[in-house]
């Protein structure tokens, strides 16, 4: 059964209640080793933490898991790294499903065409993309958002994700390299956007100037300074 969007849980570290979309669950495996339950479907008692790499590391340091589960816990040497890898895998798997469903387009020319017509639900750029190539995508996407705002189109939201390098995406999609891609409308594409947002939130590094939205490259900055954040209308 799908979890309702309004369902909330308390972060075991910060003690702040948040929507489950902003949290990640950890459970004990049969061998007593703690593992990230990225889909929140594993049986047994779990521990919920804010979806943030730094906070997961802090929870390990403060022995939050053993205290919450009231039992001895074997924690992997690099739990934050393992969690990020699991989130990456979910994102890449979702991209593969979107491609099979015909809801993922790649190649600079095709992606620019989708931006021009507003036919995409998310823009994806490799972290190792050239600056000029990136700007040719991000600039028109921002213009699309500004146009929607001027026309008072409510709910217009085409995020830009810059999370993985071209080799990582290429391997997942069975190609040599993927620099520019776009997700189009459909259930598989929406699932990929959700997985991308979770990964972006996890690797974000809040700063004093963070305006509260996760940057796709992990470094939130004021909107006018950050050309690569997850863009919203």
C-alpha atoms as a PDB file:
ATOM      1  CA  UNK A   1       0.000   0.000   0.000  1.00  0.00           C
ATOM      2  CA  UNK A   2       1.387   3.424  -0.918  1.00  0.00           C
ATOM      3  CA  UNK A   3       2.269   5.660   1.983  1.00  0.00           C
ATOM      4  CA  UNK A   4       0.233   8.824   2.245  1.00  0.00           C
ATOM      5  CA  UNK A   5       2.138  11.963   1.378  1.00  0.00           C
ATOM      6  CA  UNK A   6       1.309  13.563   4.743  1.00  0.00           C
ATOM      7  CA  UNK A   7       2.771  10.719   6.835  1.00  0.00           C
ATOM      8  CA  UNK A   8       5.488  11.980   9.180  1.00  0.00           C
ATOM      9  CA  UNK A   9       8.112  10.421  11.453  1.00  0.00           C
ATOM     10  CA  UNK A  10      10.507  11.819  14.014  1.00  0.00           C
ATOM     11  CA  UNK A  11      14.217  12.049  13.261  1.00  0.00           C
ATOM     12  CA  UNK A  12      15.978  10.025  15.968  1.00  0.00           C
ATOM     13  CA  UNK A  13      18.879  12.486  16.051  1.00  0.00           C
ATOM     14  CA  UNK A  14      17.285  15.938  15.862  1.00  0.00           C
ATOM     15  CA  UNK A  15      13.910  14.885  17.373  1.00  0.00           C
ATOM     16  CA  UNK A  16      12.178  16.931  14.681  1.00  0.00           C
ATOM     17  CA  UNK A  17       9.107  15.472  13.007  1.00  0.00           C
ATOM     18  CA  UNK A  18       9.278  15.539   9.206  1.00  0.00           C
ATOM     19  CA  UNK A  19       7.473  14.084   6.173  1.00  0.00           C
ATOM     20  CA  UNK A  20       8.846  10.639   5.302  1.00  0.00           C
ATOM     21  CA  UNK A  21      10.029  12.059   1.963  1.00  0.00           C
ATOM     22  CA  UNK A  22      12.654  13.997   3.945  1.00  0.00           C
ATOM     23  CA  UNK A  23      13.750  11.024   6.046  1.00  0.00           C
ATOM     24  CA  UNK A  24      15.476   7.676   5.585  1.00  0.00           C
ATOM     25  CA  UNK A  25      14.869   4.497   7.578  1.00  0.00           C
ATOM     26  CA  UNK A  26      17.527   2.145   8.959  1.00  0.00           C
ATOM     27  CA  UNK A  27      16.894  -1.420  10.150  1.00  0.00           C
ATOM     28  CA  UNK A  28      18.863  -4.322  11.575  1.00  0.00           C
ATOM     29  CA  UNK A  29      19.577  -7.134   9.147  1.00  0.00           C
ATOM     30  CA  UNK A  30      19.336 -10.820  10.190  1.00  0.00           C
ATOM     31  CA  UNK A  31      23.030 -10.719  11.111  1.00  0.00           C
ATOM     32  CA  UNK A  32      22.546  -7.749  13.433  1.00  0.00           C
ATOM     33  CA  UNK A  33      24.213  -5.304  11.028  1.00  0.00           C
ATOM     34  CA  UNK A  34      22.506  -1.969  10.476  1.00  0.00           C
ATOM     35  CA  UNK A  35      21.470  -1.289   6.873  1.00  0.00           C
ATOM     36  CA  UNK A  36      19.713   1.622   5.119  1.00  0.00           C
ATOM     37  CA  UNK A  37      16.137   0.668   4.222  1.00  0.00           C
ATOM     38  CA  UNK A  38      15.929   3.106   1.322  1.00  0.00           C
ATOM     39  CA  UNK A  39      12.453   1.978   0.258  1.00  0.00           C
ATOM     40  CA  UNK A  40      11.151   1.850   3.869  1.00  0.00           C
ATOM     41  CA  UNK A  41       9.653  -1.586   3.279  1.00  0.00           C
ATOM     42  CA  UNK A  42      11.780  -3.900   5.422  1.00  0.00           C
ATOM     43  CA  UNK A  43      10.061  -5.658   8.298  1.00  0.00           C
ATOM     44  CA  UNK A  44      10.952  -4.978  11.901  1.00  0.00           C
ATOM     45  CA  UNK A  45      11.543  -1.920  13.994  1.00  0.00           C
ATOM     46  CA  UNK A  46      13.379   0.870  12.250  1.00  0.00           C
ATOM     47  CA  UNK A  47      15.132   4.119  13.043  1.00  0.00           C
ATOM     48  CA  UNK A  48      14.246   7.217  11.023  1.00  0.00           C
ATOM     49  CA  UNK A  49      16.827   9.924  10.352  1.00  0.00           C
ATOM     50  CA  UNK A  50      16.783  13.148   8.381  1.00  0.00           C
ATOM     51  CA  UNK A  51      17.852  12.501   4.794  1.00  0.00           C
ATOM     52  CA  UNK A  52      21.267  14.121   5.117  1.00  0.00           C
ATOM     53  CA  UNK A  53      24.743  12.599   4.911  1.00  0.00           C
ATOM     54  CA  UNK A  54      26.208  14.757   7.665  1.00  0.00           C
ATOM     55  CA  UNK A  55      23.407  13.882  10.082  1.00  0.00           C
ATOM     56  CA  UNK A  56      23.791  10.153   9.427  1.00  0.00           C
ATOM     57  CA  UNK A  57      27.481  10.441  10.324  1.00  0.00           C
ATOM     58  CA  UNK A  58      26.578  12.357  13.479  1.00  0.00           C
ATOM     59  CA  UNK A  59      24.025   9.707  14.438  1.00  0.00           C
ATOM     60  CA  UNK A  60      26.719   7.027  14.175  1.00  0.00           C
ATOM     61  CA  UNK A  61      29.095   9.086  16.321  1.00  0.00           C
ATOM     62  CA  UNK A  62      26.438   9.635  19.000  1.00  0.00           C
ATOM     63  CA  UNK A  63      25.321   5.968  18.959  1.00  0.00           C
ATOM     64  CA  UNK A  64      21.761   6.977  18.133  1.00  0.00           C
ATOM     65  CA  UNK A  65      20.913   3.639  16.519  1.00  0.00           C
ATOM     66  CA  UNK A  66      21.699   1.473  19.538  1.00  0.00           C
ATOM     67  CA  UNK A  67      19.850   3.878  21.820  1.00  0.00           C
ATOM     68  CA  UNK A  68      16.762   3.961  19.597  1.00  0.00           C
ATOM     69  CA  UNK A  69      16.653   0.199  18.995  1.00  0.00           C
ATOM     70  CA  UNK A  70      17.551  -0.584  22.620  1.00  0.00           C
ATOM     71  CA  UNK A  71      19.983  -3.286  21.566  1.00  0.00           C
ATOM     72  CA  UNK A  72      23.563  -3.775  20.432  1.00  0.00           C
ATOM     73  CA  UNK A  73      24.035  -2.645  16.861  1.00  0.00           C
ATOM     74  CA  UNK A  74      26.813  -3.410  14.403  1.00  0.00           C
ATOM     75  CA  UNK A  75      27.248  -0.312  12.244  1.00  0.00           C
ATOM     76  CA  UNK A  76      29.047  -0.553   8.863  1.00  0.00           C
ATOM     77  CA  UNK A  77      32.371   1.290   8.759  1.00  0.00           C
ATOM     78  CA  UNK A  78      31.049   3.913   6.336  1.00  0.00           C
ATOM     79  CA  UNK A  79      27.301   4.044   6.851  1.00  0.00           C
ATOM     80  CA  UNK A  80      26.914   7.469   5.185  1.00  0.00           C
ATOM     81  CA  UNK A  81      28.812   6.214   2.120  1.00  0.00           C
ATOM     82  CA  UNK A  82      26.769   3.011   1.977  1.00  0.00           C
ATOM     83  CA  UNK A  83      23.553   5.011   2.246  1.00  0.00           C
ATOM     84  CA  UNK A  84      24.577   7.347  -0.563  1.00  0.00           C
ATOM     85  CA  UNK A  85      25.484   4.351  -2.738  1.00  0.00           C
ATOM     86  CA  UNK A  86      22.054   2.781  -2.119  1.00  0.00           C
ATOM     87  CA  UNK A  87      20.321   6.041  -3.024  1.00  0.00           C
ATOM     88  CA  UNK A  88      22.453   6.314  -6.175  1.00  0.00           C
ATOM     89  CA  UNK A  89      21.507   2.772  -7.150  1.00  0.00           C
ATOM     90  CA  UNK A  90      17.803   3.501  -6.706  1.00  0.00           C
ATOM     91  CA  UNK A  91      18.150   6.634  -8.842  1.00  0.00           C
ATOM     92  CA  UNK A  92      20.064   4.850 -11.598  1.00  0.00           C
ATOM     93  CA  UNK A  93      17.616   1.940 -11.593  1.00  0.00           C
ATOM     94  CA  UNK A  94      14.759   4.426 -11.917  1.00  0.00           C
ATOM     95  CA  UNK A  95      16.488   6.107 -14.876  1.00  0.00           C
ATOM     96  CA  UNK A  96      16.825   2.708 -16.524  1.00  0.00           C
ATOM     97  CA  UNK A  97      13.120   2.041 -16.043  1.00  0.00           C
ATOM     98  CA  UNK A  98      12.276   5.465 -17.471  1.00  0.00           C
ATOM     99  CA  UNK A  99      14.388   4.728 -20.540  1.00  0.00           C
ATOM    100  CA  UNK A 100      12.635   1.387 -21.088  1.00  0.00           C
ATOM    101  CA  UNK A 101       9.296   3.187 -20.821  1.00  0.00           C
ATOM    102  CA  UNK A 102      10.380   5.713 -23.452  1.00  0.00           C
ATOM    103  CA  UNK A 103      10.358   8.541 -20.897  1.00  0.00           C
ATOM    104  CA  UNK A 104      14.071   9.414 -20.908  1.00  0.00           C
ATOM    105  CA  UNK A 105      15.662  11.394 -23.735  1.00  0.00           C
ATOM    106  CA  UNK A 106      19.396  12.044 -24.059  1.00  0.00           C
ATOM    107  CA  UNK A 107      21.641  14.036 -26.351  1.00  0.00           C
ATOM    108  CA  UNK A 108      22.111  17.810 -26.347  1.00  0.00           C
ATOM    109  CA  UNK A 109      20.008  18.526 -29.453  1.00  0.00           C
ATOM    110  CA  UNK A 110      17.014  16.447 -28.356  1.00  0.00           C
ATOM    111  CA  UNK A 111      17.144  17.797 -24.811  1.00  0.00           C
ATOM    112  CA  UNK A 112      17.285  21.419 -25.994  1.00  0.00           C
ATOM    113  CA  UNK A 113      14.253  20.737 -28.165  1.00  0.00           C
ATOM    114  CA  UNK A 114      12.312  19.425 -25.166  1.00  0.00           C
ATOM    115  CA  UNK A 115      13.258  22.494 -23.130  1.00  0.00           C
ATOM    116  CA  UNK A 116      12.112  24.765 -25.946  1.00  0.00           C
ATOM    117  CA  UNK A 117       8.686  23.107 -26.061  1.00  0.00           C
ATOM    118  CA  UNK A 118       8.327  22.547 -22.319  1.00  0.00           C
ATOM    119  CA  UNK A 119       8.059  18.817 -22.945  1.00  0.00           C
ATOM    120  CA  UNK A 120      10.184  17.671 -20.021  1.00  0.00           C
ATOM    121  CA  UNK A 121       9.562  17.158 -16.300  1.00  0.00           C
ATOM    122  CA  UNK A 122      13.251  17.220 -15.281  1.00  0.00           C
ATOM    123  CA  UNK A 123      16.625  18.143 -16.743  1.00  0.00           C
ATOM    124  CA  UNK A 124      19.627  15.947 -15.942  1.00  0.00           C
ATOM    125  CA  UNK A 125      23.237  17.066 -16.393  1.00  0.00           C
ATOM    126  CA  UNK A 126      26.396  15.067 -15.718  1.00  0.00           C
ATOM    127  CA  UNK A 127      28.655  16.531 -13.037  1.00  0.00           C
ATOM    128  CA  UNK A 128      31.548  16.531 -15.496  1.00  0.00           C
ATOM    129  CA  UNK A 129      29.649  18.421 -18.210  1.00  0.00           C
ATOM    130  CA  UNK A 130      31.476  21.340 -19.820  1.00  0.00           C
ATOM    131  CA  UNK A 131      30.442  24.749 -18.490  1.00  0.00           C
ATOM    132  CA  UNK A 132      29.304  26.036 -21.880  1.00  0.00           C
ATOM    133  CA  UNK A 133      27.229  22.925 -22.543  1.00  0.00           C
ATOM    134  CA  UNK A 134      25.630  23.196 -19.116  1.00  0.00           C
ATOM    135  CA  UNK A 135      24.751  26.861 -19.575  1.00  0.00           C
ATOM    136  CA  UNK A 136      23.077  26.103 -22.922  1.00  0.00           C
ATOM    137  CA  UNK A 137      20.657  23.864 -21.015  1.00  0.00           C
ATOM    138  CA  UNK A 138      20.221  25.716 -17.735  1.00  0.00           C
ATOM    139  CA  UNK A 139      19.677  29.142 -19.331  1.00  0.00           C
ATOM    140  CA  UNK A 140      16.656  28.113 -21.446  1.00  0.00           C
ATOM    141  CA  UNK A 141      15.245  26.127 -18.523  1.00  0.00           C
ATOM    142  CA  UNK A 142      15.369  29.206 -16.296  1.00  0.00           C
ATOM    143  CA  UNK A 143      13.690  31.205 -19.056  1.00  0.00           C
ATOM    144  CA  UNK A 144      10.946  28.579 -19.124  1.00  0.00           C
ATOM    145  CA  UNK A 145      10.377  29.060 -15.391  1.00  0.00           C
ATOM    146  CA  UNK A 146      10.352  32.848 -15.680  1.00  0.00           C
ATOM    147  CA  UNK A 147       7.802  32.646 -18.507  1.00  0.00           C
ATOM    148  CA  UNK A 148       5.583  30.371 -16.433  1.00  0.00           C
ATOM    149  CA  UNK A 149       5.799  32.779 -13.502  1.00  0.00           C
ATOM    150  CA  UNK A 150       4.901  35.764 -15.675  1.00  0.00           C
ATOM    151  CA  UNK A 151       1.908  33.903 -17.076  1.00  0.00           C
ATOM    152  CA  UNK A 152       0.958  32.889 -13.506  1.00  0.00           C
ATOM    153  CA  UNK A 153       1.006  29.190 -14.307  1.00  0.00           C
ATOM    154  CA  UNK A 154       0.621  27.504 -10.922  1.00  0.00           C
ATOM    155  CA  UNK A 155       2.490  24.320 -10.086  1.00  0.00           C
ATOM    156  CA  UNK A 156       5.047  24.601 -12.892  1.00  0.00           C
ATOM    157  CA  UNK A 157       8.121  22.754 -11.646  1.00  0.00           C
ATOM    158  CA  UNK A 158      10.912  21.363 -13.833  1.00  0.00           C
ATOM    159  CA  UNK A 159      13.900  20.554 -11.596  1.00  0.00           C
ATOM    160  CA  UNK A 160      17.499  20.317 -12.768  1.00  0.00           C
ATOM    161  CA  UNK A 161      19.588  17.523 -11.280  1.00  0.00           C
ATOM    162  CA  UNK A 162      23.371  17.310 -11.387  1.00  0.00           C
ATOM    163  CA  UNK A 163      24.165  14.279  -9.275  1.00  0.00           C
ATOM    164  CA  UNK A 164      26.342  11.756 -11.123  1.00  0.00           C
ATOM    165  CA  UNK A 165      29.096  11.863 -13.714  1.00  0.00           C
ATOM    166  CA  UNK A 166      28.704  10.855 -17.352  1.00  0.00           C
ATOM    167  CA  UNK A 167      30.357   7.469 -16.879  1.00  0.00           C
ATOM    168  CA  UNK A 168      28.050   6.492 -14.006  1.00  0.00           C
ATOM    169  CA  UNK A 169      24.956   7.395 -15.990  1.00  0.00           C
ATOM    170  CA  UNK A 170      26.277   5.797 -19.160  1.00  0.00           C
ATOM    171  CA  UNK A 171      26.968   2.485 -17.430  1.00  0.00           C
ATOM    172  CA  UNK A 172      23.497   2.431 -15.923  1.00  0.00           C
ATOM    173  CA  UNK A 173      21.863   3.145 -19.284  1.00  0.00           C
ATOM    174  CA  UNK A 174      24.075   0.849 -21.336  1.00  0.00           C
ATOM    175  CA  UNK A 175      25.806   3.671 -23.178  1.00  0.00           C
ATOM    176  CA  UNK A 176      29.349   4.993 -23.355  1.00  0.00           C
ATOM    177  CA  UNK A 177      28.638   8.347 -21.689  1.00  0.00           C
ATOM    178  CA  UNK A 178      25.577  10.441 -20.942  1.00  0.00           C
ATOM    179  CA  UNK A 179      26.077  14.193 -20.505  1.00  0.00           C
ATOM    180  CA  UNK A 180      22.607  15.686 -21.040  1.00  0.00           C
ATOM    181  CA  UNK A 181      19.269  13.959 -20.512  1.00  0.00           C
ATOM    182  CA  UNK A 182      15.660  14.849 -19.855  1.00  0.00           C
ATOM    183  CA  UNK A 183      12.757  12.999 -18.279  1.00  0.00           C
ATOM    184  CA  UNK A 184       9.434  13.307 -20.055  1.00  0.00           C
ATOM    185  CA  UNK A 185       5.921  12.751 -18.758  1.00  0.00           C
ATOM    186  CA  UNK A 186       4.956   9.356 -17.346  1.00  0.00           C
ATOM    187  CA  UNK A 187       4.885   7.283 -14.171  1.00  0.00           C
ATOM    188  CA  UNK A 188       8.410   5.887 -14.610  1.00  0.00           C
ATOM    189  CA  UNK A 189       9.827   9.386 -15.142  1.00  0.00           C
ATOM    190  CA  UNK A 190       8.030  10.713 -12.055  1.00  0.00           C
ATOM    191  CA  UNK A 191       9.534   7.863 -10.014  1.00  0.00           C
ATOM    192  CA  UNK A 192      12.999   8.823 -11.277  1.00  0.00           C
ATOM    193  CA  UNK A 193      12.434  12.445 -10.255  1.00  0.00           C
ATOM    194  CA  UNK A 194      11.473  11.325  -6.755  1.00  0.00           C
ATOM    195  CA  UNK A 195      14.631   9.187  -6.474  1.00  0.00           C
ATOM    196  CA  UNK A 196      16.753  12.070  -7.772  1.00  0.00           C
ATOM    197  CA  UNK A 197      15.300  14.472  -5.216  1.00  0.00           C
ATOM    198  CA  UNK A 198      16.081  12.067  -2.372  1.00  0.00           C
ATOM    199  CA  UNK A 199      19.687  11.708  -3.489  1.00  0.00           C
ATOM    200  CA  UNK A 200      20.028  15.480  -3.919  1.00  0.00           C
ATOM    201  CA  UNK A 201      18.656  16.057  -0.431  1.00  0.00           C
ATOM    202  CA  UNK A 202      21.023  13.485   1.077  1.00  0.00           C
ATOM    203  CA  UNK A 203      24.212  14.935  -0.405  1.00  0.00           C
ATOM    204  CA  UNK A 204      23.261  18.593   0.117  1.00  0.00           C
ATOM    205  CA  UNK A 205      25.634  20.541   2.331  1.00  0.00           C
ATOM    206  CA  UNK A 206      23.669  23.294   4.108  1.00  0.00           C
ATOM    207  CA  UNK A 207      25.412  26.651   4.433  1.00  0.00           C
ATOM    208  CA  UNK A 208      24.598  29.852   6.289  1.00  0.00           C
ATOM    209  CA  UNK A 209      23.083  31.216   3.091  1.00  0.00           C
ATOM    210  CA  UNK A 210      20.980  28.143   2.306  1.00  0.00           C
ATOM    211  CA  UNK A 211      17.462  29.175   1.313  1.00  0.00           C
ATOM    212  CA  UNK A 212      16.015  25.780   2.192  1.00  0.00           C
ATOM    213  CA  UNK A 213      16.131  23.910  -1.135  1.00  0.00           C
ATOM    214  CA  UNK A 214      18.726  21.210  -1.860  1.00  0.00           C
ATOM    215  CA  UNK A 215      21.239  22.019  -4.554  1.00  0.00           C
ATOM    216  CA  UNK A 216      21.608  19.283  -7.124  1.00  0.00           C
ATOM    217  CA  UNK A 217      25.405  19.458  -6.844  1.00  0.00           C
ATOM    218  CA  UNK A 218      25.299  19.311  -3.035  1.00  0.00           C
ATOM    219  CA  UNK A 219      26.113  22.961  -2.282  1.00  0.00           C
ATOM    220  CA  UNK A 220      23.031  25.106  -1.582  1.00  0.00           C
ATOM    221  CA  UNK A 221      23.586  28.795  -2.310  1.00  0.00           C
ATOM    222  CA  UNK A 222      21.294  31.783  -2.786  1.00  0.00           C
ATOM    223  CA  UNK A 223      19.236  31.244  -5.937  1.00  0.00           C
ATOM    224  CA  UNK A 224      20.854  34.103  -7.828  1.00  0.00           C
ATOM    225  CA  UNK A 225      24.341  32.649  -7.239  1.00  0.00           C
ATOM    226  CA  UNK A 226      23.816  28.931  -7.755  1.00  0.00           C
ATOM    227  CA  UNK A 227      23.518  27.973 -11.430  1.00  0.00           C
ATOM    228  CA  UNK A 228      23.287  24.274 -10.705  1.00  0.00           C
ATOM    229  CA  UNK A 229      20.801  23.917  -7.868  1.00  0.00           C
ATOM    230  CA  UNK A 230      17.658  21.911  -8.256  1.00  0.00           C
ATOM    231  CA  UNK A 231      15.631  24.573 -10.052  1.00  0.00           C
ATOM    232  CA  UNK A 232      12.016  25.219  -9.199  1.00  0.00           C
ATOM    233  CA  UNK A 233       9.483  27.606 -10.636  1.00  0.00           C
END
